Amino acid sequence: MIQTCLFPAAGYGTRFLPATKSLPKEMLPILTKPLIHYGVDEAREAGMNNMAFVTGRGKRALEDYFDISYELEHQIAGTSKEYLLTDIRELMEHCSFSFTRQTHMRGLGDAIYSGKGLVGDEAFGVILADDLCVNEDGENVLAQMVKIYEKYRCSIVAVMEVPKETISSYGVIDGKFIEDDLIMVNDMIEKPDPKDAPTNLAIIGRYILTPDIFEIIEHTNPGKNGEVQITDALLKQAKNGMVLAYKFKGRRFDCGSVAGYVEATNFFYEHEYGKK
């Protein structure tokens, strides 16, 4: 039902300088695959095959990654290393990839709005690739959210409980439970002071958005730090209709931080090689 997943990928990745001076943070590898590859895998497993990227200056490596490298293909053709390209070849064969640029860094809301021409007039998924999510016991996070969308047909955000002392790093929701792990949102606050946070339920980088979000973003004034916040737009949507927050099943690694990136690397290494 949902065909398109949008990947906002225009940020500078300053927490990984100097590496991200020339390498997009979304291209940082977890073992042998970059973060963006994991995100596209998740979207495809959730039934989406149109991958739309909002990039910026210095992000050309993202386009090159989802393209054929004729020189490399020629060099390893017929060798024992050719199988290493199997996954990316399979993605390129079954998915379409489109790109646009966010010309100014004006927040996640503006980045999503920049992808309007790639998405069209339909509901779409959003993945922030530096939030790496896994669920060893079943469907991935975006696939879980698609099932909820099929029932309620409204915007959905993924949330998780976080320690109060870290709450100021997140958008935070409040609302009432309508099902197990599913909350009807009545308030959203972007990066609140811990003492002002209504709950410890923080939004992470997985969304399903209905297309009316674009018009709402267009009329949303810049908020914290002079940026157009997606939380402000979603709050307007919640007040005028319905937005759901979903406490997803699985685990999230904050690969936008060095500690989270190392934790994810260790987790995937153990999963891939620890049992051999």
C-alpha atoms as a PDB file:
ATOM      1  CA  MET A   1       0.000   0.000   0.000  1.00  0.00           C
ATOM      2  CA  ILE A   2       2.766   2.456   0.896  1.00  0.00           C
ATOM      3  CA  GLN A   3       5.217   2.538  -1.987  1.00  0.00           C
ATOM      4  CA  THR A   4       7.694   5.297  -1.088  1.00  0.00           C
ATOM      5  CA  CYS A   5      10.169   5.744   1.730  1.00  0.00           C
ATOM      6  CA  LEU A   6      11.855   9.123   2.208  1.00  0.00           C
ATOM      7  CA  PHE A   7      15.382   9.349   3.600  1.00  0.00           C
ATOM      8  CA  PRO A   8      16.312  12.812   4.909  1.00  0.00           C
ATOM      9  CA  ALA A   9      20.101  12.749   4.526  1.00  0.00           C
ATOM     10  CA  ALA A  10      21.271  16.350   4.259  1.00  0.00           C
ATOM     11  CA  GLY A  11      22.763  16.778   7.735  1.00  0.00           C
ATOM     12  CA  TYR A  12      26.446  17.441   8.303  1.00  0.00           C
ATOM     13  CA  GLY A  13      27.108  14.639  10.821  1.00  0.00           C
ATOM     14  CA  THR A  14      29.266  16.943  12.949  1.00  0.00           C
ATOM     15  CA  ARG A  15      29.555  14.433  15.780  1.00  0.00           C
ATOM     16  CA  PHE A  16      31.713  12.303  13.478  1.00  0.00           C
ATOM     17  CA  LEU A  17      34.102  14.988  12.298  1.00  0.00           C
ATOM     18  CA  PRO A  18      36.628  14.861  10.764  1.00  0.00           C
ATOM     19  CA  ALA A  19      35.428  11.639   9.048  1.00  0.00           C
ATOM     20  CA  THR A  20      32.206  13.312   7.857  1.00  0.00           C
ATOM     21  CA  LYS A  21      34.090  16.220   6.328  1.00  0.00           C
ATOM     22  CA  SER A  22      34.108  14.213   3.092  1.00  0.00           C
ATOM     23  CA  LEU A  23      32.039  11.116   3.930  1.00  0.00           C
ATOM     24  CA  PRO A  24      28.253  11.373   4.472  1.00  0.00           C
ATOM     25  CA  LYS A  25      27.345  10.056   7.924  1.00  0.00           C
ATOM     26  CA  GLU A  26      24.791   7.791   6.235  1.00  0.00           C
ATOM     27  CA  MET A  27      27.709   6.061   4.500  1.00  0.00           C
ATOM     28  CA  LEU A  28      29.461   5.144   7.739  1.00  0.00           C
ATOM     29  CA  PRO A  29      29.691   1.333   7.705  1.00  0.00           C
ATOM     30  CA  ILE A  30      28.351  -1.104  10.251  1.00  0.00           C
ATOM     31  CA  LEU A  31      30.612  -4.029   9.384  1.00  0.00           C
ATOM     32  CA  THR A  32      30.561  -4.081   5.570  1.00  0.00           C
ATOM     33  CA  LYS A  33      27.310  -2.193   4.844  1.00  0.00           C
ATOM     34  CA  PRO A  34      26.712   1.549   5.253  1.00  0.00           C
ATOM     35  CA  LEU A  35      23.917   2.798   7.459  1.00  0.00           C
ATOM     36  CA  ILE A  36      21.847   3.877   4.458  1.00  0.00           C
ATOM     37  CA  HIS A  37      21.875   0.298   3.114  1.00  0.00           C
ATOM     38  CA  TYR A  38      20.334  -0.982   6.355  1.00  0.00           C
ATOM     39  CA  GLY A  39      17.650   1.695   6.071  1.00  0.00           C
ATOM     40  CA  VAL A  40      16.782   0.780   2.483  1.00  0.00           C
ATOM     41  CA  ASP A  41      16.664  -2.901   3.456  1.00  0.00           C
ATOM     42  CA  GLU A  42      14.158  -2.052   6.192  1.00  0.00           C
ATOM     43  CA  ALA A  43      11.969  -0.034   3.830  1.00  0.00           C
ATOM     44  CA  ARG A  44      11.964  -2.772   1.222  1.00  0.00           C
ATOM     45  CA  GLU A  45      11.075  -5.432   3.785  1.00  0.00           C
ATOM     46  CA  ALA A  46       8.150  -3.172   4.776  1.00  0.00           C
ATOM     47  CA  GLY A  47       6.848  -3.362   1.190  1.00  0.00           C
ATOM     48  CA  MET A  48       8.271  -0.129  -0.237  1.00  0.00           C
ATOM     49  CA  ASN A  49      10.246  -0.029  -3.463  1.00  0.00           C
ATOM     50  CA  ASN A  50      10.513   3.691  -4.276  1.00  0.00           C
ATOM     51  CA  MET A  51      13.458   5.086  -2.315  1.00  0.00           C
ATOM     52  CA  ALA A  52      13.579   8.896  -2.204  1.00  0.00           C
ATOM     53  CA  PHE A  53      16.549  10.787  -0.761  1.00  0.00           C
ATOM     54  CA  VAL A  54      16.869  14.382   0.385  1.00  0.00           C
ATOM     55  CA  THR A  55      20.574  15.134   0.303  1.00  0.00           C
ATOM     56  CA  GLY A  56      22.859  18.166   0.351  1.00  0.00           C
ATOM     57  CA  ARG A  57      26.254  19.351  -0.780  1.00  0.00           C
ATOM     58  CA  GLY A  58      28.970  16.744  -0.330  1.00  0.00           C
ATOM     59  CA  LYS A  59      26.512  13.823  -0.367  1.00  0.00           C
ATOM     60  CA  ARG A  60      27.210  12.520  -3.872  1.00  0.00           C
ATOM     61  CA  ALA A  61      28.469   9.233  -2.418  1.00  0.00           C
ATOM     62  CA  LEU A  62      24.858   8.269  -1.653  1.00  0.00           C
ATOM     63  CA  GLU A  63      23.896   8.455  -5.325  1.00  0.00           C
ATOM     64  CA  ASP A  64      27.047   6.619  -6.378  1.00  0.00           C
ATOM     65  CA  TYR A  65      26.381   3.823  -3.885  1.00  0.00           C
ATOM     66  CA  PHE A  66      23.036   2.972  -5.500  1.00  0.00           C
ATOM     67  CA  ASP A  67      24.515   2.978  -8.996  1.00  0.00           C
ATOM     68  CA  ILE A  68      26.690   0.612 -11.028  1.00  0.00           C
ATOM     69  CA  SER A  69      30.454   0.951 -10.646  1.00  0.00           C
ATOM     70  CA  TYR A  70      31.617  -0.435 -13.976  1.00  0.00           C
ATOM     71  CA  GLU A  71      35.315  -0.418 -13.110  1.00  0.00           C
ATOM     72  CA  LEU A  72      34.767  -2.290  -9.841  1.00  0.00           C
ATOM     73  CA  GLU A  73      32.326  -4.751 -11.426  1.00  0.00           C
ATOM     74  CA  HIS A  74      34.869  -5.498 -14.143  1.00  0.00           C
ATOM     75  CA  GLN A  75      37.732  -5.978 -11.672  1.00  0.00           C
ATOM     76  CA  ILE A  76      35.964  -8.527  -9.476  1.00  0.00           C
ATOM     77  CA  ALA A  77      33.858 -10.300 -12.134  1.00  0.00           C
ATOM     78  CA  GLY A  78      34.359 -14.040 -11.840  1.00  0.00           C
ATOM     79  CA  THR A  79      36.410 -13.784  -8.645  1.00  0.00           C
ATOM     80  CA  SER A  80      35.677 -15.022  -5.135  1.00  0.00           C
ATOM     81  CA  LYS A  81      34.746 -11.459  -4.133  1.00  0.00           C
ATOM     82  CA  GLU A  82      31.919 -10.993  -6.626  1.00  0.00           C
ATOM     83  CA  TYR A  83      29.329 -12.299  -4.161  1.00  0.00           C
ATOM     84  CA  LEU A  84      30.028  -9.309  -1.906  1.00  0.00           C
ATOM     85  CA  LEU A  85      27.990  -7.138  -4.275  1.00  0.00           C
ATOM     86  CA  THR A  86      24.982  -9.482  -4.294  1.00  0.00           C
ATOM     87  CA  ASP A  87      22.927  -7.490  -1.766  1.00  0.00           C
ATOM     88  CA  ILE A  88      23.391  -4.095  -3.396  1.00  0.00           C
ATOM     89  CA  ARG A  89      22.797  -5.494  -6.884  1.00  0.00           C
ATOM     90  CA  GLU A  90      19.530  -7.033  -5.692  1.00  0.00           C
ATOM     91  CA  LEU A  91      18.370  -3.712  -4.227  1.00  0.00           C
ATOM     92  CA  MET A  92      19.236  -1.860  -7.423  1.00  0.00           C
ATOM     93  CA  GLU A  93      17.318  -4.404  -9.478  1.00  0.00           C
ATOM     94  CA  HIS A  94      14.091  -4.226  -7.479  1.00  0.00           C
ATOM     95  CA  CYS A  95      13.973  -0.621  -6.223  1.00  0.00           C
ATOM     96  CA  SER A  96      13.961   2.822  -7.794  1.00  0.00           C
ATOM     97  CA  PHE A  97      16.150   5.597  -6.368  1.00  0.00           C
ATOM     98  CA  SER A  98      15.474   9.324  -6.703  1.00  0.00           C
ATOM     99  CA  PHE A  99      17.332  12.281  -5.212  1.00  0.00           C
ATOM    100  CA  THR A 100      16.762  15.938  -4.459  1.00  0.00           C
ATOM    101  CA  ARG A 101      18.623  18.497  -2.355  1.00  0.00           C
ATOM    102  CA  GLN A 102      17.781  20.507   0.720  1.00  0.00           C
ATOM    103  CA  THR A 103      19.529  23.757  -0.127  1.00  0.00           C
ATOM    104  CA  HIS A 104      19.525  25.134   3.425  1.00  0.00           C
ATOM    105  CA  MET A 105      19.800  23.225   6.697  1.00  0.00           C
ATOM    106  CA  ARG A 106      16.492  24.286   8.264  1.00  0.00           C
ATOM    107  CA  GLY A 107      15.474  21.257  10.260  1.00  0.00           C
ATOM    108  CA  LEU A 108      13.854  17.878   9.714  1.00  0.00           C
ATOM    109  CA  GLY A 109      10.477  19.375   8.832  1.00  0.00           C
ATOM    110  CA  ASP A 110      12.035  21.366   6.011  1.00  0.00           C
ATOM    111  CA  ALA A 111      14.034  18.322   4.850  1.00  0.00           C
ATOM    112  CA  ILE A 112      10.832  16.282   4.600  1.00  0.00           C
ATOM    113  CA  TYR A 113       9.104  19.142   2.764  1.00  0.00           C
ATOM    114  CA  SER A 114      12.007  19.198   0.300  1.00  0.00           C
ATOM    115  CA  GLY A 115      11.058  15.644  -0.672  1.00  0.00           C
ATOM    116  CA  LYS A 116       7.498  16.568  -1.645  1.00  0.00           C
ATOM    117  CA  GLY A 117       8.188  16.272  -5.376  1.00  0.00           C
ATOM    118  CA  LEU A 118       9.625  12.787  -4.937  1.00  0.00           C
ATOM    119  CA  VAL A 119       6.764  11.490  -2.802  1.00  0.00           C
ATOM    120  CA  GLY A 120       3.648  12.767  -4.552  1.00  0.00           C
ATOM    121  CA  ASP A 121       0.132  12.709  -3.116  1.00  0.00           C
ATOM    122  CA  GLU A 122       0.339   9.511  -1.086  1.00  0.00           C
ATOM    123  CA  ALA A 123       1.284   8.308   2.374  1.00  0.00           C
ATOM    124  CA  PHE A 124       4.970   7.541   2.762  1.00  0.00           C
ATOM    125  CA  GLY A 125       7.510   6.177   5.193  1.00  0.00           C
ATOM    126  CA  VAL A 126      10.424   8.146   6.621  1.00  0.00           C
ATOM    127  CA  ILE A 127      13.661   6.598   7.870  1.00  0.00           C
ATOM    128  CA  LEU A 128      16.511   8.473   9.525  1.00  0.00           C
ATOM    129  CA  ALA A 129      19.391   6.183   8.654  1.00  0.00           C
ATOM    130  CA  ASP A 130      21.492   7.024  11.701  1.00  0.00           C
ATOM    131  CA  ASP A 131      18.748   5.469  13.837  1.00  0.00           C
ATOM    132  CA  LEU A 132      19.522   1.810  13.138  1.00  0.00           C
ATOM    133  CA  CYS A 133      16.676  -0.462  14.252  1.00  0.00           C
ATOM    134  CA  VAL A 134      16.550  -4.238  14.505  1.00  0.00           C
ATOM    135  CA  ASN A 135      13.964  -6.737  15.649  1.00  0.00           C
ATOM    136  CA  GLU A 136      15.312 -10.257  15.955  1.00  0.00           C
ATOM    137  CA  ASP A 137      11.919 -11.663  16.958  1.00  0.00           C
ATOM    138  CA  GLY A 138       9.803 -10.635  13.983  1.00  0.00           C
ATOM    139  CA  GLU A 139       8.974  -7.812  11.591  1.00  0.00           C
ATOM    140  CA  ASN A 140      11.145  -4.736  11.394  1.00  0.00           C
ATOM    141  CA  VAL A 141       9.966  -1.448  12.871  1.00  0.00           C
ATOM    142  CA  LEU A 142       8.674   0.145   9.657  1.00  0.00           C
ATOM    143  CA  ALA A 143       6.796  -3.033   8.729  1.00  0.00           C
ATOM    144  CA  GLN A 144       5.129  -2.977  12.149  1.00  0.00           C
ATOM    145  CA  MET A 145       4.069   0.626  11.511  1.00  0.00           C
ATOM    146  CA  VAL A 146       2.694  -0.177   8.053  1.00  0.00           C
ATOM    147  CA  LYS A 147       0.268  -2.644   9.623  1.00  0.00           C
ATOM    148  CA  ILE A 148      -0.934   0.062  12.006  1.00  0.00           C
ATOM    149  CA  TYR A 149      -1.348   2.496   9.118  1.00  0.00           C
ATOM    150  CA  GLU A 150      -3.450  -0.034   7.210  1.00  0.00           C
ATOM    151  CA  LYS A 151      -5.875  -0.044  10.145  1.00  0.00           C
ATOM    152  CA  TYR A 152      -5.959   3.649  11.103  1.00  0.00           C
ATOM    153  CA  ARG A 153      -4.837   5.522   7.942  1.00  0.00           C
ATOM    154  CA  CYS A 154      -3.127   8.359   9.805  1.00  0.00           C
ATOM    155  CA  SER A 155       0.383   9.601  10.535  1.00  0.00           C
ATOM    156  CA  ILE A 156       2.387   7.439  12.934  1.00  0.00           C
ATOM    157  CA  VAL A 157       5.607   8.077  14.845  1.00  0.00           C
ATOM    158  CA  ALA A 158       7.792   5.435  16.495  1.00  0.00           C
ATOM    159  CA  VAL A 159       8.562   6.092  20.161  1.00  0.00           C
ATOM    160  CA  MET A 160      10.599   4.510  22.903  1.00  0.00           C
ATOM    161  CA  GLU A 161      11.135   5.126  26.601  1.00  0.00           C
ATOM    162  CA  VAL A 162      14.364   7.010  27.342  1.00  0.00           C
ATOM    163  CA  PRO A 163      15.967   8.118  30.614  1.00  0.00           C
ATOM    164  CA  LYS A 164      14.694  11.486  31.815  1.00  0.00           C
ATOM    165  CA  GLU A 165      18.201  12.936  31.804  1.00  0.00           C
ATOM    166  CA  THR A 166      18.452  12.415  28.016  1.00  0.00           C
ATOM    167  CA  ILE A 167      14.957  13.638  27.149  1.00  0.00           C
ATOM    168  CA  SER A 168      16.194  17.055  26.003  1.00  0.00           C
ATOM    169  CA  SER A 169      17.741  15.399  22.939  1.00  0.00           C
ATOM    170  CA  TYR A 170      14.391  14.215  21.553  1.00  0.00           C
ATOM    171  CA  GLY A 171      10.924  15.168  20.489  1.00  0.00           C
ATOM    172  CA  VAL A 172       8.572  13.928  23.229  1.00  0.00           C
ATOM    173  CA  ILE A 173       4.911  12.886  22.989  1.00  0.00           C
ATOM    174  CA  ASP A 174       1.992  12.727  25.374  1.00  0.00           C
ATOM    175  CA  GLY A 175      -1.397  11.122  24.867  1.00  0.00           C
ATOM    176  CA  LYS A 176      -3.646   8.221  25.809  1.00  0.00           C
ATOM    177  CA  PHE A 177      -3.265   4.541  25.065  1.00  0.00           C
ATOM    178  CA  ILE A 178      -5.880   3.161  22.672  1.00  0.00           C
ATOM    179  CA  GLU A 179      -4.252  -0.267  22.304  1.00  0.00           C
ATOM    180  CA  ASP A 180      -1.242  -2.026  23.761  1.00  0.00           C
ATOM    181  CA  ASP A 181       1.801   0.047  22.763  1.00  0.00           C
ATOM    182  CA  LEU A 182      -0.329   2.449  20.675  1.00  0.00           C
ATOM    183  CA  ILE A 183      -0.991   6.005  21.826  1.00  0.00           C
ATOM    184  CA  MET A 184      -3.246   8.719  20.430  1.00  0.00           C
ATOM    185  CA  VAL A 185      -1.089  11.830  20.544  1.00  0.00           C
ATOM    186  CA  ASN A 186      -2.432  15.019  22.098  1.00  0.00           C
ATOM    187  CA  ASP A 187       0.849  16.833  22.685  1.00  0.00           C
ATOM    188  CA  MET A 188       4.380  16.942  21.263  1.00  0.00           C
ATOM    189  CA  ILE A 189       7.345  18.942  22.507  1.00  0.00           C
ATOM    190  CA  GLU A 190      10.671  19.293  20.735  1.00  0.00           C
ATOM    191  CA  LYS A 191      13.726  18.796  22.988  1.00  0.00           C
ATOM    192  CA  PRO A 192      12.103  19.842  26.274  1.00  0.00           C
ATOM    193  CA  ASP A 193      13.902  20.522  29.512  1.00  0.00           C
ATOM    194  CA  PRO A 194      13.600  17.308  31.585  1.00  0.00           C
ATOM    195  CA  LYS A 195      11.417  19.070  34.135  1.00  0.00           C
ATOM    196  CA  ASP A 196       8.983  20.124  31.384  1.00  0.00           C
ATOM    197  CA  ALA A 197       8.737  16.771  29.611  1.00  0.00           C
ATOM    198  CA  PRO A 198       5.200  15.321  29.908  1.00  0.00           C
ATOM    199  CA  THR A 199       6.459  11.724  29.516  1.00  0.00           C
ATOM    200  CA  ASN A 200       9.672   9.866  28.759  1.00  0.00           C
ATOM    201  CA  LEU A 201       8.341   8.648  25.390  1.00  0.00           C
ATOM    202  CA  ALA A 202      10.776   9.942  22.776  1.00  0.00           C
ATOM    203  CA  ILE A 203      10.297   9.986  19.004  1.00  0.00           C
ATOM    204  CA  ILE A 204      12.948   8.094  17.048  1.00  0.00           C
ATOM    205  CA  GLY A 205      13.719   8.119  13.335  1.00  0.00           C
ATOM    206  CA  ARG A 206      10.775   6.150  11.949  1.00  0.00           C
ATOM    207  CA  TYR A 207       7.590   7.803  10.652  1.00  0.00           C
ATOM    208  CA  ILE A 208       4.663   7.121   8.409  1.00  0.00           C
ATOM    209  CA  LEU A 209       3.195  10.404   7.191  1.00  0.00           C
ATOM    210  CA  THR A 210       0.036  11.222   5.275  1.00  0.00           C
ATOM    211  CA  PRO A 211       0.458  13.635   2.344  1.00  0.00           C
ATOM    212  CA  ASP A 212      -1.379  16.532   4.000  1.00  0.00           C
ATOM    213  CA  ILE A 213       1.735  16.918   6.175  1.00  0.00           C
ATOM    214  CA  PHE A 214       3.350  18.908   3.348  1.00  0.00           C
ATOM    215  CA  GLU A 215       0.790  21.708   3.484  1.00  0.00           C
ATOM    216  CA  ILE A 216       1.020  21.739   7.275  1.00  0.00           C
ATOM    217  CA  ILE A 217       4.828  22.024   7.141  1.00  0.00           C
ATOM    218  CA  GLU A 218       4.518  24.834   4.591  1.00  0.00           C
ATOM    219  CA  HIS A 219       2.534  26.854   7.139  1.00  0.00           C
ATOM    220  CA  THR A 220       4.614  25.892  10.181  1.00  0.00           C
ATOM    221  CA  ASN A 221       6.853  28.646  11.526  1.00  0.00           C
ATOM    222  CA  PRO A 222      10.450  27.877  12.511  1.00  0.00           C
ATOM    223  CA  GLY A 223      10.710  26.723  16.122  1.00  0.00           C
ATOM    224  CA  LYS A 224      13.608  25.719  18.298  1.00  0.00           C
ATOM    225  CA  ASN A 225      17.007  26.811  16.881  1.00  0.00           C
ATOM    226  CA  GLY A 226      15.252  28.555  13.994  1.00  0.00           C
ATOM    227  CA  GLU A 227      14.443  25.201  12.374  1.00  0.00           C
ATOM    228  CA  VAL A 228      11.171  23.895  10.970  1.00  0.00           C
ATOM    229  CA  GLN A 229      10.410  21.036  13.333  1.00  0.00           C
ATOM    230  CA  ILE A 230       8.442  18.016  12.161  1.00  0.00           C
ATOM    231  CA  THR A 231       7.115  17.693  15.717  1.00  0.00           C
ATOM    232  CA  ASP A 232       5.411  21.110  15.403  1.00  0.00           C
ATOM    233  CA  ALA A 233       3.773  20.062  12.133  1.00  0.00           C
ATOM    234  CA  LEU A 234       2.692  16.726  13.573  1.00  0.00           C
ATOM    235  CA  LEU A 235       1.172  18.439  16.603  1.00  0.00           C
ATOM    236  CA  LYS A 236      -0.971  20.557  14.261  1.00  0.00           C
ATOM    237  CA  GLN A 237      -1.981  17.378  12.473  1.00  0.00           C
ATOM    238  CA  ALA A 238      -2.838  15.720  15.790  1.00  0.00           C
ATOM    239  CA  LYS A 239      -5.017  18.680  16.848  1.00  0.00           C
ATOM    240  CA  ASN A 240      -6.918  18.676  13.540  1.00  0.00           C
ATOM    241  CA  GLY A 241      -7.192  14.920  13.103  1.00  0.00           C
ATOM    242  CA  MET A 242      -5.232  12.011  14.518  1.00  0.00           C
ATOM    243  CA  VAL A 243      -1.569  11.103  14.973  1.00  0.00           C
ATOM    244  CA  LEU A 244      -0.529   7.852  16.631  1.00  0.00           C
ATOM    245  CA  ALA A 245       2.651   7.004  18.510  1.00  0.00           C
ATOM    246  CA  TYR A 246       3.800   3.402  18.510  1.00  0.00           C
ATOM    247  CA  LYS A 247       6.066   1.777  21.093  1.00  0.00           C
ATOM    248  CA  PHE A 248       7.779  -0.481  18.618  1.00  0.00           C
ATOM    249  CA  LYS A 249       9.094  -3.971  19.154  1.00  0.00           C
ATOM    250  CA  GLY A 250      12.825  -4.216  18.670  1.00  0.00           C
ATOM    251  CA  ARG A 251      15.974  -2.304  19.443  1.00  0.00           C
ATOM    252  CA  ARG A 252      17.290   1.051  18.274  1.00  0.00           C
ATOM    253  CA  PHE A 253      20.911   2.132  18.028  1.00  0.00           C
ATOM    254  CA  ASP A 254      21.693   5.856  17.916  1.00  0.00           C
ATOM    255  CA  CYS A 255      24.400   5.700  15.256  1.00  0.00           C
ATOM    256  CA  GLY A 256      24.504   9.481  15.149  1.00  0.00           C
ATOM    257  CA  SER A 257      26.581   9.232  18.326  1.00  0.00           C
ATOM    258  CA  VAL A 258      29.970   7.563  18.640  1.00  0.00           C
ATOM    259  CA  ALA A 259      28.828   5.432  21.584  1.00  0.00           C
ATOM    260  CA  GLY A 260      25.721   4.210  19.730  1.00  0.00           C
ATOM    261  CA  TYR A 261      27.716   3.545  16.575  1.00  0.00           C
ATOM    262  CA  VAL A 262      30.219   1.392  18.467  1.00  0.00           C
ATOM    263  CA  GLU A 263      27.377  -0.417  20.253  1.00  0.00           C
ATOM    264  CA  ALA A 264      25.713  -1.209  16.913  1.00  0.00           C
ATOM    265  CA  THR A 265      28.994  -2.391  15.404  1.00  0.00           C
ATOM    266  CA  ASN A 266      29.594  -4.737  18.330  1.00  0.00           C
ATOM    267  CA  PHE A 267      26.012  -6.039  18.166  1.00  0.00           C
ATOM    268  CA  PHE A 268      26.169  -6.805  14.441  1.00  0.00           C
ATOM    269  CA  TYR A 269      29.635  -8.305  14.712  1.00  0.00           C
ATOM    270  CA  GLU A 270      28.461 -10.692  17.412  1.00  0.00           C
ATOM    271  CA  HIS A 271      25.369 -11.516  15.381  1.00  0.00           C
ATOM    272  CA  GLU A 272      27.344 -12.121  12.166  1.00  0.00           C
ATOM    273  CA  TYR A 273      30.550 -13.687  13.431  1.00  0.00           C
ATOM    274  CA  GLY A 274      30.128 -14.528  17.091  1.00  0.00           C
ATOM    275  CA  LYS A 275      28.149 -17.695  16.379  1.00  0.00           C
ATOM    276  CA  LYS A 276      30.586 -19.059  13.799  1.00  0.00           C
END
